[in-house]
Amino acid sequence: ATLRAIQGARLARELGCTVVGLGAFWSVVGEKGRLVQEAVPEI
């Protein structure tokens, strides 16, 4: 789940987004988004 959330954040950055939100159960993965942010600091 954390890997997919990280990949989702990278896709969001590629889509030209400035912010990506983690909804429903994504919101609790990767220490509630902290690990996702560390893996994808560009967004």
PDB file of all heavy atoms in Angstrom:
ATOM      1  N   ALA A   1       0.829  -1.205   0.000  1.00  0.00           N
ATOM      2  CA  ALA A   1       0.000   0.000   0.000  1.00  0.00           C
ATOM      3  C   ALA A   1       0.868   1.262   0.000  1.00  0.00           C
ATOM      4  O   ALA A   1       0.573   2.224  -0.718  1.00  0.00           O
ATOM      5  CB  ALA A   1      -0.931  -0.005   1.211  1.00  0.00           C
ATOM      6  N   THR A   2       1.931   1.252   0.789  1.00  0.00           N
ATOM      7  CA  THR A   2       2.828   2.415   0.818  1.00  0.00           C
ATOM      8  C   THR A   2       3.501   2.618  -0.526  1.00  0.00           C
ATOM      9  O   THR A   2       3.619   3.750  -1.017  1.00  0.00           O
ATOM     10  CB  THR A   2       3.892   2.242   1.915  1.00  0.00           C
ATOM     11  OG1 THR A   2       3.244   2.086   3.188  1.00  0.00           O
ATOM     12  CG2 THR A   2       4.822   3.443   1.974  1.00  0.00           C
ATOM     13  N   LEU A   3       3.924   1.520  -1.155  1.00  0.00           N
ATOM     14  CA  LEU A   3       4.538   1.614  -2.479  1.00  0.00           C
ATOM     15  C   LEU A   3       3.563   2.217  -3.482  1.00  0.00           C
ATOM     16  O   LEU A   3       3.934   3.102  -4.268  1.00  0.00           O
ATOM     17  CB  LEU A   3       4.987   0.222  -2.941  1.00  0.00           C
ATOM     18  CG  LEU A   3       5.511   0.142  -4.388  1.00  0.00           C
ATOM     19  CD1 LEU A   3       6.763   0.991  -4.561  1.00  0.00           C
ATOM     20  CD2 LEU A   3       5.786  -1.320  -4.769  1.00  0.00           C
ATOM     21  N   ARG A   4       2.317   1.759  -3.468  1.00  0.00           N
ATOM     22  CA  ARG A   4       1.325   2.282  -4.416  1.00  0.00           C
ATOM     23  C   ARG A   4       1.016   3.759  -4.126  1.00  0.00           C
ATOM     24  O   ARG A   4       0.798   4.543  -5.060  1.00  0.00           O
ATOM     25  CB  ARG A   4       0.041   1.453  -4.343  1.00  0.00           C
ATOM     26  CG  ARG A   4       0.200   0.025  -4.862  1.00  0.00           C
ATOM     27  CD  ARG A   4       0.419   0.017  -6.361  1.00  0.00           C
ATOM     28  NE  ARG A   4       0.552  -1.332  -6.875  1.00  0.00           N
ATOM     29  CZ  ARG A   4       1.702  -1.905  -7.218  1.00  0.00           C
ATOM     30  NH1 ARG A   4       2.838  -1.215  -7.118  1.00  0.00           N
ATOM     31  NH2 ARG A   4       1.729  -3.134  -7.668  1.00  0.00           N
ATOM     32  N   ALA A   5       1.009   4.141  -2.869  1.00  0.00           N
ATOM     33  CA  ALA A   5       0.769   5.548  -2.545  1.00  0.00           C
ATOM     34  C   ALA A   5       1.920   6.419  -3.048  1.00  0.00           C
ATOM     35  O   ALA A   5       1.697   7.523  -3.563  1.00  0.00           O
ATOM     36  CB  ALA A   5       0.600   5.716  -1.036  1.00  0.00           C
ATOM     37  N   ILE A   6       3.139   5.917  -2.921  1.00  0.00           N
ATOM     38  CA  ILE A   6       4.306   6.650  -3.430  1.00  0.00           C
ATOM     39  C   ILE A   6       4.227   6.770  -4.947  1.00  0.00           C
ATOM     40  O   ILE A   6       4.463   7.846  -5.522  1.00  0.00           O
ATOM     41  CB  ILE A   6       5.606   5.939  -2.997  1.00  0.00           C
ATOM     42  CG1 ILE A   6       5.814   6.090  -1.487  1.00  0.00           C
ATOM     43  CG2 ILE A   6       6.820   6.482  -3.760  1.00  0.00           C
ATOM     44  CD1 ILE A   6       6.945   5.248  -0.934  1.00  0.00           C
ATOM     45  N   GLN A   7       3.873   5.678  -5.610  1.00  0.00           N
ATOM     46  CA  GLN A   7       3.730   5.720  -7.065  1.00  0.00           C
ATOM     47  C   GLN A   7       2.606   6.673  -7.473  1.00  0.00           C
ATOM     48  O   GLN A   7       2.717   7.374  -8.482  1.00  0.00           O
ATOM     49  CB  GLN A   7       3.450   4.314  -7.598  1.00  0.00           C
ATOM     50  CG  GLN A   7       4.638   3.368  -7.464  1.00  0.00           C
ATOM     51  CD  GLN A   7       4.266   1.927  -7.756  1.00  0.00           C
ATOM     52  OE1 GLN A   7       3.102   1.539  -7.664  1.00  0.00           O
ATOM     53  NE2 GLN A   7       5.260   1.121  -8.098  1.00  0.00           N
ATOM     54  N   GLY A   8       1.535   6.716  -6.681  1.00  0.00           N
ATOM     55  CA  GLY A   8       0.452   7.637  -6.965  1.00  0.00           C
ATOM     56  C   GLY A   8       0.896   9.089  -6.842  1.00  0.00           C
ATOM     57  O   GLY A   8       0.509   9.942  -7.647  1.00  0.00           O
ATOM     58  N   ALA A   9       1.721   9.382  -5.836  1.00  0.00           N
ATOM     59  CA  ALA A   9       2.230  10.748  -5.668  1.00  0.00           C
ATOM     60  C   ALA A   9       3.119  11.134  -6.842  1.00  0.00           C
ATOM     61  O   ALA A   9       3.070  12.273  -7.322  1.00  0.00           O
ATOM     62  CB  ALA A   9       3.000  10.846  -4.350  1.00  0.00           C
ATOM     63  N   ARG A  10       3.914  10.200  -7.321  1.00  0.00           N
ATOM     64  CA  ARG A  10       4.767  10.482  -8.485  1.00  0.00           C
ATOM     65  C   ARG A  10       3.911  10.737  -9.728  1.00  0.00           C
ATOM     66  O   ARG A  10       4.215  11.633 -10.526  1.00  0.00           O
ATOM     67  CB  ARG A  10       5.724   9.315  -8.718  1.00  0.00           C
ATOM     68  CG  ARG A  10       6.839   9.240  -7.674  1.00  0.00           C
ATOM     69  CD  ARG A  10       7.708   8.028  -7.867  1.00  0.00           C
ATOM     70  NE  ARG A  10       8.776   7.988  -6.878  1.00  0.00           N
ATOM     71  CZ  ARG A  10       9.342   6.873  -6.429  1.00  0.00           C
ATOM     72  NH1 ARG A  10       8.932   5.696  -6.888  1.00  0.00           N
ATOM     73  NH2 ARG A  10      10.304   6.932  -5.524  1.00  0.00           N
ATOM     74  N   LEU A  11       2.862   9.943  -9.892  1.00  0.00           N
ATOM     75  CA  LEU A  11       1.966  10.159 -11.033  1.00  0.00           C
ATOM     76  C   LEU A  11       1.316  11.530 -10.941  1.00  0.00           C
ATOM     77  O   LEU A  11       1.193  12.242 -11.940  1.00  0.00           O
ATOM     78  CB  LEU A  11       0.899   9.065 -11.070  1.00  0.00           C
ATOM     79  CG  LEU A  11      -0.201   9.222 -12.120  1.00  0.00           C
ATOM     80  CD1 LEU A  11       0.387   9.278 -13.534  1.00  0.00           C
ATOM     81  CD2 LEU A  11      -1.219   8.088 -12.019  1.00  0.00           C
ATOM     82  N   ALA A  12       0.906  11.920  -9.735  1.00  0.00           N
ATOM     83  CA  ALA A  12       0.293  13.238  -9.549  1.00  0.00           C
ATOM     84  C   ALA A  12       1.268  14.341  -9.957  1.00  0.00           C
ATOM     85  O   ALA A  12       0.878  15.328 -10.592  1.00  0.00           O
ATOM     86  CB  ALA A  12      -0.135  13.413  -8.095  1.00  0.00           C
ATOM     87  N   ARG A  13       2.524  14.175  -9.596  1.00  0.00           N
ATOM     88  CA  ARG A  13       3.522  15.175  -9.986  1.00  0.00           C
ATOM     89  C   ARG A  13       3.669  15.209 -11.499  1.00  0.00           C
ATOM     90  O   ARG A  13       3.802  16.284 -12.098  1.00  0.00           O
ATOM     91  CB  ARG A  13       4.872  14.842  -9.333  1.00  0.00           C
ATOM     92  CG  ARG A  13       5.974  15.821  -9.703  1.00  0.00           C
ATOM     93  CD  ARG A  13       5.700  17.192  -9.118  1.00  0.00           C
ATOM     94  NE  ARG A  13       6.616  18.191  -9.617  1.00  0.00           N
ATOM     95  CZ  ARG A  13       6.393  18.973 -10.665  1.00  0.00           C
ATOM     96  NH1 ARG A  13       5.250  18.865 -11.318  1.00  0.00           N
ATOM     97  NH2 ARG A  13       7.275  19.867 -11.054  1.00  0.00           N
ATOM     98  N   GLU A  14       3.657  14.049 -12.123  1.00  0.00           N
ATOM     99  CA  GLU A  14       3.773  13.991 -13.579  1.00  0.00           C
ATOM    100  C   GLU A  14       2.561  14.612 -14.268  1.00  0.00           C
ATOM    101  O   GLU A  14       2.657  15.121 -15.389  1.00  0.00           O
ATOM    102  CB  GLU A  14       3.955  12.541 -14.037  1.00  0.00           C
ATOM    103  CG  GLU A  14       5.287  11.941 -13.607  1.00  0.00           C
ATOM    104  CD  GLU A  14       5.401  10.461 -13.942  1.00  0.00           C
ATOM    105  OE1 GLU A  14       4.426   9.909 -14.482  1.00  0.00           O
ATOM    106  OE2 GLU A  14       6.451   9.864 -13.652  1.00  0.00           O
ATOM    107  N   LEU A  15       1.421  14.584 -13.579  1.00  0.00           N
ATOM    108  CA  LEU A  15       0.209  15.188 -14.137  1.00  0.00           C
ATOM    109  C   LEU A  15       0.228  16.712 -14.035  1.00  0.00           C
ATOM    110  O   LEU A  15      -0.677  17.378 -14.520  1.00  0.00           O
ATOM    111  CB  LEU A  15      -1.030  14.638 -13.428  1.00  0.00           C
ATOM    112  CG  LEU A  15      -1.369  13.172 -13.704  1.00  0.00           C
ATOM    113  CD1 LEU A  15      -2.456  12.693 -12.764  1.00  0.00           C
ATOM    114  CD2 LEU A  15      -1.791  12.973 -15.141  1.00  0.00           C
ATOM    115  N   GLY A  16       1.248  17.248 -13.395  1.00  0.00           N
ATOM    116  CA  GLY A  16       1.353  18.689 -13.256  1.00  0.00           C
ATOM    117  C   GLY A  16       0.731  19.229 -11.983  1.00  0.00           C
ATOM    118  O   GLY A  16       0.560  20.439 -11.847  1.00  0.00           O
ATOM    119  N   CYS A  17       0.385  18.349 -11.044  1.00  0.00           N
ATOM    120  CA  CYS A  17      -0.274  18.780  -9.805  1.00  0.00           C
ATOM    121  C   CYS A  17       0.745  19.339  -8.807  1.00  0.00           C
ATOM    122  O   CYS A  17       1.916  18.956  -8.816  1.00  0.00           O
ATOM    123  CB  CYS A  17      -1.015  17.607  -9.163  1.00  0.00           C
ATOM    124  SG  CYS A  17      -2.251  16.853 -10.223  1.00  0.00           S
ATOM    125  N   THR A  18       0.256  20.206  -7.940  1.00  0.00           N
ATOM    126  CA  THR A  18       1.091  20.747  -6.874  1.00  0.00           C
ATOM    127  C   THR A  18       0.858  20.020  -5.554  1.00  0.00           C
ATOM    128  O   THR A  18       1.736  20.024  -4.684  1.00  0.00           O
ATOM    129  CB  THR A  18       0.804  22.236  -6.672  1.00  0.00           C
ATOM    130  OG1 THR A  18      -0.601  22.417  -6.428  1.00  0.00           O
ATOM    131  CG2 THR A  18       1.199  23.033  -7.908  1.00  0.00           C
ATOM    132  N   VAL A  19      -0.322  19.407  -5.402  1.00  0.00           N
ATOM    133  CA  VAL A  19      -0.690  18.729  -4.157  1.00  0.00           C
ATOM    134  C   VAL A  19      -1.382  17.417  -4.493  1.00  0.00           C
ATOM    135  O   VAL A  19      -2.158  17.350  -5.447  1.00  0.00           O
ATOM    136  CB  VAL A  19      -1.646  19.594  -3.303  1.00  0.00           C
ATOM    137  CG1 VAL A  19      -2.030  18.872  -2.016  1.00  0.00           C
ATOM    138  CG2 VAL A  19      -1.024  20.942  -2.980  1.00  0.00           C
ATOM    139  N   VAL A  20      -1.096  16.388  -3.696  1.00  0.00           N
ATOM    140  CA  VAL A  20      -1.837  15.136  -3.816  1.00  0.00           C
ATOM    141  C   VAL A  20      -2.388  14.784  -2.434  1.00  0.00           C
ATOM    142  O   VAL A  20      -1.683  14.872  -1.427  1.00  0.00           O
ATOM    143  CB  VAL A  20      -0.963  13.989  -4.357  1.00  0.00           C
ATOM    144  CG1 VAL A  20       0.250  13.719  -3.472  1.00  0.00           C
ATOM    145  CG2 VAL A  20      -1.782  12.707  -4.519  1.00  0.00           C
ATOM    146  N   GLY A  21      -3.665  14.437  -2.391  1.00  0.00           N
ATOM    147  CA  GLY A  21      -4.300  14.036  -1.145  1.00  0.00           C
ATOM    148  C   GLY A  21      -4.460  12.531  -1.082  1.00  0.00           C
ATOM    149  O   GLY A  21      -4.660  11.873  -2.105  1.00  0.00           O
ATOM    150  N   LEU A  22      -4.366  11.984   0.106  1.00  0.00           N
ATOM    151  CA  LEU A  22      -4.524  10.546   0.324  1.00  0.00           C
ATOM    152  C   LEU A  22      -5.887  10.320   0.962  1.00  0.00           C
ATOM    153  O   LEU A  22      -6.123  10.742   2.105  1.00  0.00           O
ATOM    154  CB  LEU A  22      -3.406  10.008   1.226  1.00  0.00           C
ATOM    155  CG  LEU A  22      -1.975  10.269   0.736  1.00  0.00           C
ATOM    156  CD1 LEU A  22      -0.958   9.752   1.753  1.00  0.00           C
ATOM    157  CD2 LEU A  22      -1.745   9.623  -0.620  1.00  0.00           C
ATOM    158  N   GLY A  23      -6.790   9.679   0.228  1.00  0.00           N
ATOM    159  CA  GLY A  23      -8.154   9.516   0.690  1.00  0.00           C
ATOM    160  C   GLY A  23      -8.420   8.159   1.302  1.00  0.00           C
ATOM    161  O   GLY A  23      -7.744   7.174   1.001  1.00  0.00           O
ATOM    162  N   ALA A  24      -9.446   8.096   2.150  1.00  0.00           N
ATOM    163  CA  ALA A  24      -9.903   6.861   2.784  1.00  0.00           C
ATOM    164  C   ALA A  24      -8.731   6.110   3.411  1.00  0.00           C
ATOM    165  O   ALA A  24      -7.976   6.681   4.200  1.00  0.00           O
ATOM    166  CB  ALA A  24     -10.655   6.000   1.770  1.00  0.00           C
ATOM    167  N   PHE A  25      -8.511   4.844   3.034  1.00  0.00           N
ATOM    168  CA  PHE A  25      -7.455   4.068   3.687  1.00  0.00           C
ATOM    169  C   PHE A  25      -6.054   4.438   3.223  1.00  0.00           C
ATOM    170  O   PHE A  25      -5.077   4.084   3.870  1.00  0.00           O
ATOM    171  CB  PHE A  25      -7.718   2.576   3.497  1.00  0.00           C
ATOM    172  CG  PHE A  25      -8.785   2.053   4.398  1.00  0.00           C
ATOM    173  CD1 PHE A  25     -10.117   2.155   4.048  1.00  0.00           C
ATOM    174  CD2 PHE A  25      -8.483   1.513   5.624  1.00  0.00           C
ATOM    175  CE1 PHE A  25     -11.117   1.719   4.876  1.00  0.00           C
ATOM    176  CE2 PHE A  25      -9.467   1.065   6.474  1.00  0.00           C
ATOM    177  CZ  PHE A  25     -10.789   1.160   6.107  1.00  0.00           C
ATOM    178  N   TRP A  26      -5.940   5.162   2.111  1.00  0.00           N
ATOM    179  CA  TRP A  26      -4.619   5.666   1.725  1.00  0.00           C
ATOM    180  C   TRP A  26      -4.107   6.643   2.778  1.00  0.00           C
ATOM    181  O   TRP A  26      -2.889   6.815   2.926  1.00  0.00           O
ATOM    182  CB  TRP A  26      -4.689   6.382   0.374  1.00  0.00           C
ATOM    183  CG  TRP A  26      -5.000   5.517  -0.792  1.00  0.00           C
ATOM    184  CD1 TRP A  26      -6.063   5.635  -1.646  1.00  0.00           C
ATOM    185  CD2 TRP A  26      -4.249   4.391  -1.275  1.00  0.00           C
ATOM    186  NE1 TRP A  26      -6.019   4.662  -2.606  1.00  0.00           N
ATOM    187  CE2 TRP A  26      -4.919   3.876  -2.405  1.00  0.00           C
ATOM    188  CE3 TRP A  26      -3.077   3.749  -0.838  1.00  0.00           C
ATOM    189  CZ2 TRP A  26      -4.464   2.779  -3.118  1.00  0.00           C
ATOM    190  CZ3 TRP A  26      -2.621   2.648  -1.552  1.00  0.00           C
ATOM    191  CH2 TRP A  26      -3.307   2.169  -2.665  1.00  0.00           C
ATOM    192  N   SER A  27      -5.006   7.305   3.504  1.00  0.00           N
ATOM    193  CA  SER A  27      -4.594   8.344   4.448  1.00  0.00           C
ATOM    194  C   SER A  27      -3.815   7.794   5.634  1.00  0.00           C
ATOM    195  O   SER A  27      -3.161   8.556   6.351  1.00  0.00           O
ATOM    196  CB  SER A  27      -5.821   9.109   4.950  1.00  0.00           C
ATOM    197  OG  SER A  27      -6.670   8.257   5.700  1.00  0.00           O
ATOM    198  N   VAL A  28      -3.881   6.488   5.851  1.00  0.00           N
ATOM    199  CA  VAL A  28      -3.180   5.923   7.013  1.00  0.00           C
ATOM    200  C   VAL A  28      -1.932   5.145   6.618  1.00  0.00           C
ATOM    201  O   VAL A  28      -1.202   4.676   7.500  1.00  0.00           O
ATOM    202  CB  VAL A  28      -4.124   5.013   7.829  1.00  0.00           C
ATOM    203  CG1 VAL A  28      -5.295   5.811   8.364  1.00  0.00           C
ATOM    204  CG2 VAL A  28      -4.616   3.824   7.013  1.00  0.00           C
ATOM    205  N   VAL A  29      -1.647   4.992   5.328  1.00  0.00           N
ATOM    206  CA  VAL A  29      -0.469   4.222   4.930  1.00  0.00           C
ATOM    207  C   VAL A  29       0.785   5.092   5.029  1.00  0.00           C
ATOM    208  O   VAL A  29       0.715   6.324   5.006  1.00  0.00           O
ATOM    209  CB  VAL A  29      -0.608   3.667   3.495  1.00  0.00           C
ATOM    210  CG1 VAL A  29      -1.888   2.879   3.337  1.00  0.00           C
ATOM    211  CG2 VAL A  29      -0.540   4.780   2.458  1.00  0.00           C
ATOM    212  N   GLY A  30       1.927   4.427   5.147  1.00  0.00           N
ATOM    213  CA  GLY A  30       3.198   5.154   5.178  1.00  0.00           C
ATOM    214  C   GLY A  30       3.269   6.169   6.294  1.00  0.00           C
ATOM    215  O   GLY A  30       3.664   7.308   6.083  1.00  0.00           O
ATOM    216  N   GLU A  31       2.881   5.718   7.514  1.00  0.00           N
ATOM    217  CA  GLU A  31       2.849   6.613   8.674  1.00  0.00           C
ATOM    218  C   GLU A  31       1.983   7.839   8.383  1.00  0.00           C
ATOM    219  O   GLU A  31       2.363   8.977   8.593  1.00  0.00           O
ATOM    220  CB  GLU A  31       4.258   7.037   9.087  1.00  0.00           C
ATOM    221  CG  GLU A  31       5.133   5.875   9.526  1.00  0.00           C
ATOM    222  CD  GLU A  31       6.535   6.312   9.921  1.00  0.00           C
ATOM    223  OE1 GLU A  31       6.787   7.536   9.995  1.00  0.00           O
ATOM    224  OE2 GLU A  31       7.382   5.449  10.162  1.00  0.00           O
ATOM    225  N   LYS A  32       0.779   7.559   7.876  1.00  0.00           N
ATOM    226  CA  LYS A  32      -0.210   8.588   7.544  1.00  0.00           C
ATOM    227  C   LYS A  32       0.358   9.642   6.588  1.00  0.00           C
ATOM    228  O   LYS A  32       0.141  10.843   6.749  1.00  0.00           O
ATOM    229  CB  LYS A  32      -0.739   9.245   8.818  1.00  0.00           C
ATOM    230  CG  LYS A  32      -1.510   8.272   9.703  1.00  0.00           C
ATOM    231  CD  LYS A  32      -2.238   8.964  10.834  1.00  0.00           C
ATOM    232  CE  LYS A  32      -3.101   7.957  11.593  1.00  0.00           C
ATOM    233  NZ  LYS A  32      -3.858   8.578  12.696  1.00  0.00           N
ATOM    234  N   GLY A  33       1.059   9.137   5.567  1.00  0.00           N
ATOM    235  CA  GLY A  33       1.544   9.996   4.496  1.00  0.00           C
ATOM    236  C   GLY A  33       2.961  10.496   4.655  1.00  0.00           C
ATOM    237  O   GLY A  33       3.562  10.995   3.699  1.00  0.00           O
ATOM    238  N   ARG A  34       3.545  10.336   5.833  1.00  0.00           N
ATOM    239  CA  ARG A  34       4.877  10.890   6.067  1.00  0.00           C
ATOM    240  C   ARG A  34       5.936  10.233   5.172  1.00  0.00           C
ATOM    241  O   ARG A  34       6.781  10.915   4.573  1.00  0.00           O
ATOM    242  CB  ARG A  34       5.271  10.723   7.541  1.00  0.00           C
ATOM    243  CG  ARG A  34       6.483  11.566   7.930  1.00  0.00           C
ATOM    244  CD  ARG A  34       6.874  11.316   9.377  1.00  0.00           C
ATOM    245  NE  ARG A  34       5.770  11.584  10.283  1.00  0.00           N
ATOM    246  CZ  ARG A  34       5.443  12.799  10.709  1.00  0.00           C
ATOM    247  NH1 ARG A  34       6.114  13.853  10.283  1.00  0.00           N
ATOM    248  NH2 ARG A  34       4.442  12.965  11.544  1.00  0.00           N
ATOM    249  N   LEU A  35       5.878   8.911   5.046  1.00  0.00           N
ATOM    250  CA  LEU A  35       6.846   8.206   4.208  1.00  0.00           C
ATOM    251  C   LEU A  35       6.631   8.528   2.731  1.00  0.00           C
ATOM    252  O   LEU A  35       7.581   8.553   1.942  1.00  0.00           O
ATOM    253  CB  LEU A  35       6.747   6.699   4.436  1.00  0.00           C
ATOM    254  CG  LEU A  35       7.074   6.202   5.846  1.00  0.00           C
ATOM    255  CD1 LEU A  35       6.961   4.680   5.917  1.00  0.00           C
ATOM    256  CD2 LEU A  35       8.471   6.648   6.269  1.00  0.00           C
ATOM    257  N   VAL A  36       5.393   8.762   2.352  1.00  0.00           N
ATOM    258  CA  VAL A  36       5.094   9.128   0.959  1.00  0.00           C
ATOM    259  C   VAL A  36       5.729  10.481   0.636  1.00  0.00           C
ATOM    260  O   VAL A  36       6.333  10.658  -0.420  1.00  0.00           O
ATOM    261  CB  VAL A  36       3.567   9.169   0.724  1.00  0.00           C
ATOM    262  CG1 VAL A  36       3.254   9.521  -0.724  1.00  0.00           C
ATOM    263  CG2 VAL A  36       2.932   7.820   1.088  1.00  0.00           C
ATOM    264  N   GLN A  37       5.575  11.435   1.556  1.00  0.00           N
ATOM    265  CA  GLN A  37       6.162  12.756   1.342  1.00  0.00           C
ATOM    266  C   GLN A  37       7.684  12.694   1.255  1.00  0.00           C
ATOM    267  O   GLN A  37       8.303  13.353   0.413  1.00  0.00           O
ATOM    268  CB  GLN A  37       5.744  13.706   2.465  1.00  0.00           C
ATOM    269  CG  GLN A  37       6.283  15.116   2.322  1.00  0.00           C
ATOM    270  CD  GLN A  37       5.686  15.848   1.132  1.00  0.00           C
ATOM    271  OE1 GLN A  37       4.648  16.478   1.247  1.00  0.00           O
ATOM    272  NE2 GLN A  37       6.327  15.779  -0.018  1.00  0.00           N
ATOM    273  N   GLU A  38       8.304  11.870   2.095  1.00  0.00           N
ATOM    274  CA  GLU A  38       9.757  11.744   2.073  1.00  0.00           C
ATOM    275  C   GLU A  38      10.234  11.121   0.764  1.00  0.00           C
ATOM    276  O   GLU A  38      11.296  11.488   0.244  1.00  0.00           O
ATOM    277  CB  GLU A  38      10.219  10.888   3.255  1.00  0.00           C
ATOM    278  CG  GLU A  38      10.036  11.566   4.612  1.00  0.00           C
ATOM    279  CD  GLU A  38      10.382  10.650   5.768  1.00  0.00           C
ATOM    280  OE1 GLU A  38      10.725   9.464   5.509  1.00  0.00           O
ATOM    281  OE2 GLU A  38      10.297  11.094   6.929  1.00  0.00           O
ATOM    282  N   ALA A  39       9.436  10.199   0.203  1.00  0.00           N
ATOM    283  CA  ALA A  39       9.830   9.529  -1.037  1.00  0.00           C
ATOM    284  C   ALA A  39       9.614  10.406  -2.261  1.00  0.00           C
ATOM    285  O   ALA A  39      10.303  10.246  -3.272  1.00  0.00           O
ATOM    286  CB  ALA A  39       9.059   8.215  -1.190  1.00  0.00           C
ATOM    287  N   VAL A  40       8.654  11.334  -2.178  1.00  0.00           N
ATOM    288  CA  VAL A  40       8.336  12.197  -3.325  1.00  0.00           C
ATOM    289  C   VAL A  40       8.308  13.656  -2.854  1.00  0.00           C
ATOM    290  O   VAL A  40       7.236  14.270  -2.734  1.00  0.00           O
ATOM    291  CB  VAL A  40       6.989  11.815  -3.968  1.00  0.00           C
ATOM    292  CG1 VAL A  40       6.850  12.451  -5.348  1.00  0.00           C
ATOM    293  CG2 VAL A  40       6.821  10.312  -4.073  1.00  0.00           C
ATOM    294  N   PRO A  41       9.472  14.229  -2.591  1.00  0.00           N
ATOM    295  CA  PRO A  41       9.495  15.609  -2.074  1.00  0.00           C
ATOM    296  C   PRO A  41       9.106  16.656  -3.110  1.00  0.00           C
ATOM    297  O   PRO A  41       8.878  17.812  -2.761  1.00  0.00           O
ATOM    298  CB  PRO A  41      10.960  15.785  -1.642  1.00  0.00           C
ATOM    299  CG  PRO A  41      11.730  14.818  -2.493  1.00  0.00           C
ATOM    300  CD  PRO A  41      10.818  13.645  -2.697  1.00  0.00           C
ATOM    301  N   GLU A  42       8.989  16.259  -4.404  1.00  0.00           N
ATOM    302  CA  GLU A  42       8.664  17.219  -5.467  1.00  0.00           C
ATOM    303  C   GLU A  42       7.202  17.657  -5.447  1.00  0.00           C
ATOM    304  O   GLU A  42       6.821  18.581  -6.160  1.00  0.00           O
ATOM    305  CB  GLU A  42       8.966  16.617  -6.842  1.00  0.00           C
ATOM    306  CG  GLU A  42      10.410  16.177  -7.032  1.00  0.00           C
ATOM    307  CD  GLU A  42      10.668  14.775  -6.501  1.00  0.00           C
ATOM    308  OE1 GLU A  42       9.692  14.099  -6.117  1.00  0.00           O
ATOM    309  OE2 GLU A  42      11.843  14.360  -6.471  1.00  0.00           O
ATOM    310  N   ILE A  43       6.366  17.005  -4.649  1.00  0.00           N
ATOM    311  CA  ILE A  43       4.950  17.360  -4.577  1.00  0.00           C
ATOM    312  C   ILE A  43       4.523  17.354  -3.123  1.00  0.00           C
ATOM    313  O   ILE A  43       5.098  16.624  -2.298  1.00  0.00           O
ATOM    314  CB  ILE A  43       4.091  16.369  -5.406  1.00  0.00           C
ATOM    315  CG1 ILE A  43       2.653  16.871  -5.530  1.00  0.00           C
ATOM    316  CG2 ILE A  43       4.125  14.967  -4.816  1.00  0.00           C
ATOM    317  CD1 ILE A  43       1.816  16.067  -6.515  1.00  0.00           C
TER     318      ILE A  43
END
